[in-house]
Amino acid sequence: MDIFAHGLWSYQLVGRRSRIWPAVVSGVAPDLFAFAPYVAERLVRGELAVGKPETVVIPTYVFRLYDISHSLLIAGFVFALLYLILRRVPSFLLAWPLHIAMDIPTHSRLFFPTPFLWPLLDYRVDGIPWSTPWFLLVNYAALVSLFAFHASRKRKGRR
């Protein structure tokens, strides 16, 4: 799924029940962690970082960062560690595994399939690319509907 949609879904599904901005950041963090260093590197070199690059030109470290940030096992380990230290896991962090769960069926094997069981297993689902036009339409229509629904409930609550 695209990073903008991740932020909006995180807002709707996690941020409404916890802290909004930390939830949105947590929901986009896996992609920022994996891709921001590479995008920054290209910008520093004066290369326009627009569009989908060929996987052969993407440095190996990007794939490793993607493996780390898109693993439910890594997220579970971090949650367990936080629980041991804090005796709780902040609810806004639930946007991280939500991001991973949404990516599993929305990435094809051709471009960054989601390594949700890494490092234990290298199993990846061959999903529908989130950039498929009909999927983009359905995804954003669902988001608009959800925003409209919450806005109407909020208006009714004021009456």
Protein backbone atom coordinates (compact mmCIF):
# COMPACT_ATOMS: atom_id res chain seq x y z
CA MET A 1 0.00 0.00 0.00
CA ASP A 2 1.23 3.53 -0.59
CA ILE A 3 2.58 5.55 2.32
CA PHE A 4 -0.21 8.15 2.17
CA ALA A 5 -2.89 5.44 2.46
CA HIS A 6 -0.97 3.87 5.37
CA GLY A 7 -1.11 7.18 7.19
CA LEU A 8 -4.84 7.59 6.58
CA TRP A 9 -5.67 4.00 7.62
CA SER A 10 -3.51 4.42 10.73
CA TYR A 11 -5.41 7.58 11.59
CA GLN A 12 -8.77 5.88 11.12
CA LEU A 13 -8.10 2.49 12.73
CA VAL A 14 -5.56 3.29 15.44
CA GLY A 15 -5.39 7.06 15.92
CA ARG A 16 -9.05 7.40 16.82
CA ARG A 17 -8.48 5.12 19.81
CA SER A 18 -5.08 6.46 20.85
CA ARG A 19 -2.86 9.43 20.08
CA ILE A 20 -3.47 10.50 16.48
CA TRP A 21 -0.10 11.78 15.25
CA PRO A 22 2.00 9.09 16.93
CA ALA A 23 -0.34 6.51 15.35
CA VAL A 24 0.05 8.07 11.90
CA VAL A 25 3.84 8.18 12.28
CA SER A 26 3.88 4.57 13.50
CA GLY A 27 1.78 3.61 10.48
CA VAL A 28 4.15 5.14 7.94
CA ALA A 29 7.38 4.37 9.83
CA PRO A 30 8.07 0.97 8.21
CA ASP A 31 8.27 2.58 4.76
CA LEU A 32 10.18 5.63 6.00
CA PHE A 33 12.69 3.37 7.77
CA ALA A 34 13.26 1.34 4.61
CA PHE A 35 13.15 3.98 1.88
CA ALA A 36 13.99 7.40 3.35
CA PRO A 37 17.78 6.79 3.48
CA TYR A 38 17.81 5.74 -0.19
CA VAL A 39 15.64 8.67 -1.29
CA ALA A 40 17.85 11.07 0.71
CA GLU A 41 20.97 9.52 -0.85
CA ARG A 42 19.56 10.04 -4.35
CA LEU A 43 18.59 13.63 -3.59
CA VAL A 44 22.08 14.40 -2.25
CA ARG A 45 23.56 13.00 -5.48
CA GLY A 46 21.23 15.29 -7.42
CA GLU A 47 19.08 12.48 -8.80
CA LEU A 48 15.38 13.05 -9.01
CA ALA A 49 13.79 10.46 -6.71
CA VAL A 50 10.47 10.13 -8.52
CA GLY A 51 8.81 7.00 -9.75
CA LYS A 52 9.47 3.32 -9.26
CA PRO A 53 13.15 2.44 -9.73
CA GLU A 54 14.25 -0.89 -11.17
CA THR A 55 15.01 -3.31 -8.34
CA VAL A 56 18.50 -3.97 -9.73
CA VAL A 57 19.58 -0.37 -9.00
CA ILE A 58 18.22 -0.35 -5.43
CA PRO A 59 21.04 -0.92 -2.91
CA THR A 60 20.99 -4.11 -0.83
CA TYR A 61 20.64 -2.16 2.42
CA VAL A 62 17.18 -0.96 1.34
CA PHE A 63 15.96 -4.54 1.06
CA ARG A 64 17.43 -5.39 4.49
CA LEU A 65 15.80 -2.34 6.10
CA TYR A 66 12.54 -3.35 4.42
CA ASP A 67 12.87 -6.90 5.82
CA ILE A 68 13.39 -5.52 9.33
CA SER A 69 10.59 -2.95 9.25
CA HIS A 70 8.03 -5.23 7.56
CA SER A 71 8.41 -8.30 9.79
CA LEU A 72 5.64 -9.18 12.21
CA LEU A 73 8.25 -11.17 14.16
CA ILE A 74 10.45 -8.08 14.59
CA ALA A 75 7.40 -6.00 15.58
CA GLY A 76 6.41 -8.72 18.07
CA PHE A 77 9.94 -8.75 19.51
CA VAL A 78 9.89 -4.94 19.91
CA PHE A 79 6.43 -5.12 21.52
CA ALA A 80 7.62 -7.83 23.95
CA LEU A 81 10.68 -5.75 24.82
CA LEU A 82 8.55 -2.66 25.40
CA TYR A 83 6.20 -4.66 27.59
CA LEU A 84 9.10 -5.97 29.68
CA ILE A 85 10.45 -2.44 30.12
CA LEU A 86 7.24 -0.37 30.36
CA ARG A 87 4.76 -3.07 31.40
CA ARG A 88 2.61 -1.94 28.49
CA VAL A 89 2.79 -1.35 24.76
CA PRO A 90 1.59 2.10 23.69
CA SER A 91 -1.57 1.60 21.64
CA PHE A 92 -0.46 3.97 18.88
CA LEU A 93 2.25 1.45 17.98
CA LEU A 94 -0.45 -0.94 16.77
CA ALA A 95 -0.30 1.00 13.49
CA TRP A 96 3.04 -0.73 12.78
CA PRO A 97 1.68 -4.30 12.55
CA LEU A 98 -1.42 -2.86 10.82
CA HIS A 99 0.92 -1.49 8.14
CA ILE A 100 2.52 -4.91 7.71
CA ALA A 101 -0.85 -6.70 7.60
CA MET A 102 -2.08 -4.31 4.90
CA ASP A 103 1.09 -4.76 2.86
CA ILE A 104 0.93 -8.56 2.80
CA PRO A 105 -1.91 -8.78 0.23
CA THR A 106 -1.07 -5.49 -1.53
CA HIS A 107 2.46 -6.21 -2.74
CA SER A 108 3.35 -8.58 -5.55
CA ARG A 109 6.42 -10.79 -5.63
CA LEU A 110 7.80 -8.51 -8.37
CA PHE A 111 8.37 -5.42 -6.21
CA PHE A 112 8.98 -5.53 -2.46
CA PRO A 113 6.82 -8.47 -1.38
CA THR A 114 6.22 -8.27 2.37
CA PRO A 115 8.65 -10.40 4.44
CA PHE A 116 6.23 -10.69 7.36
CA LEU A 117 7.90 -13.81 8.83
CA TRP A 118 11.49 -12.60 8.42
CA PRO A 119 14.07 -13.62 9.73
CA LEU A 120 12.53 -17.00 10.58
CA LEU A 121 11.06 -17.69 7.13
CA ASP A 122 11.44 -16.02 3.77
CA TYR A 123 7.82 -16.72 2.79
CA ARG A 124 6.16 -13.86 0.91
CA VAL A 125 2.66 -13.57 -0.55
CA ASP A 126 2.23 -12.71 -4.22
CA GLY A 127 -0.50 -10.11 -3.73
CA ILE A 128 -2.22 -7.49 -5.83
CA PRO A 129 0.07 -4.49 -6.34
CA TRP A 130 -1.38 -1.51 -4.48
CA SER A 131 -0.72 0.59 -7.60
CA THR A 132 -3.30 -1.40 -9.60
CA PRO A 133 -5.86 1.24 -10.70
CA TRP A 134 -8.99 -0.60 -9.53
CA PHE A 135 -7.37 -1.32 -6.15
CA LEU A 136 -6.34 2.32 -5.69
CA LEU A 137 -9.93 3.33 -6.41
CA VAL A 138 -11.39 0.81 -3.94
CA ASN A 139 -8.81 1.66 -1.28
CA TYR A 140 -9.37 5.41 -1.42
CA ALA A 141 -13.15 5.02 -1.78
CA ALA A 142 -13.11 2.98 1.44
CA LEU A 143 -11.03 5.66 3.16
CA VAL A 144 -13.35 8.47 1.98
CA SER A 145 -16.34 6.44 3.17
CA LEU A 146 -14.77 5.88 6.57
CA PHE A 147 -13.88 9.56 6.96
CA ALA A 148 -17.44 10.53 5.92
CA PHE A 149 -18.93 8.02 8.36
CA HIS A 150 -16.89 9.36 11.28
CA ALA A 151 -17.64 12.96 10.30
CA SER A 152 -21.40 12.24 10.24
CA ARG A 153 -21.22 10.51 13.63
CA LYS A 154 -19.34 13.49 15.03
CA ARG A 155 -21.99 15.90 13.71
CA LYS A 156 -24.80 13.79 15.19
CA GLY A 157 -22.98 13.75 18.52
CA ARG A 158 -22.99 17.55 18.64
CA ARG A 159 -26.74 17.77 18.24
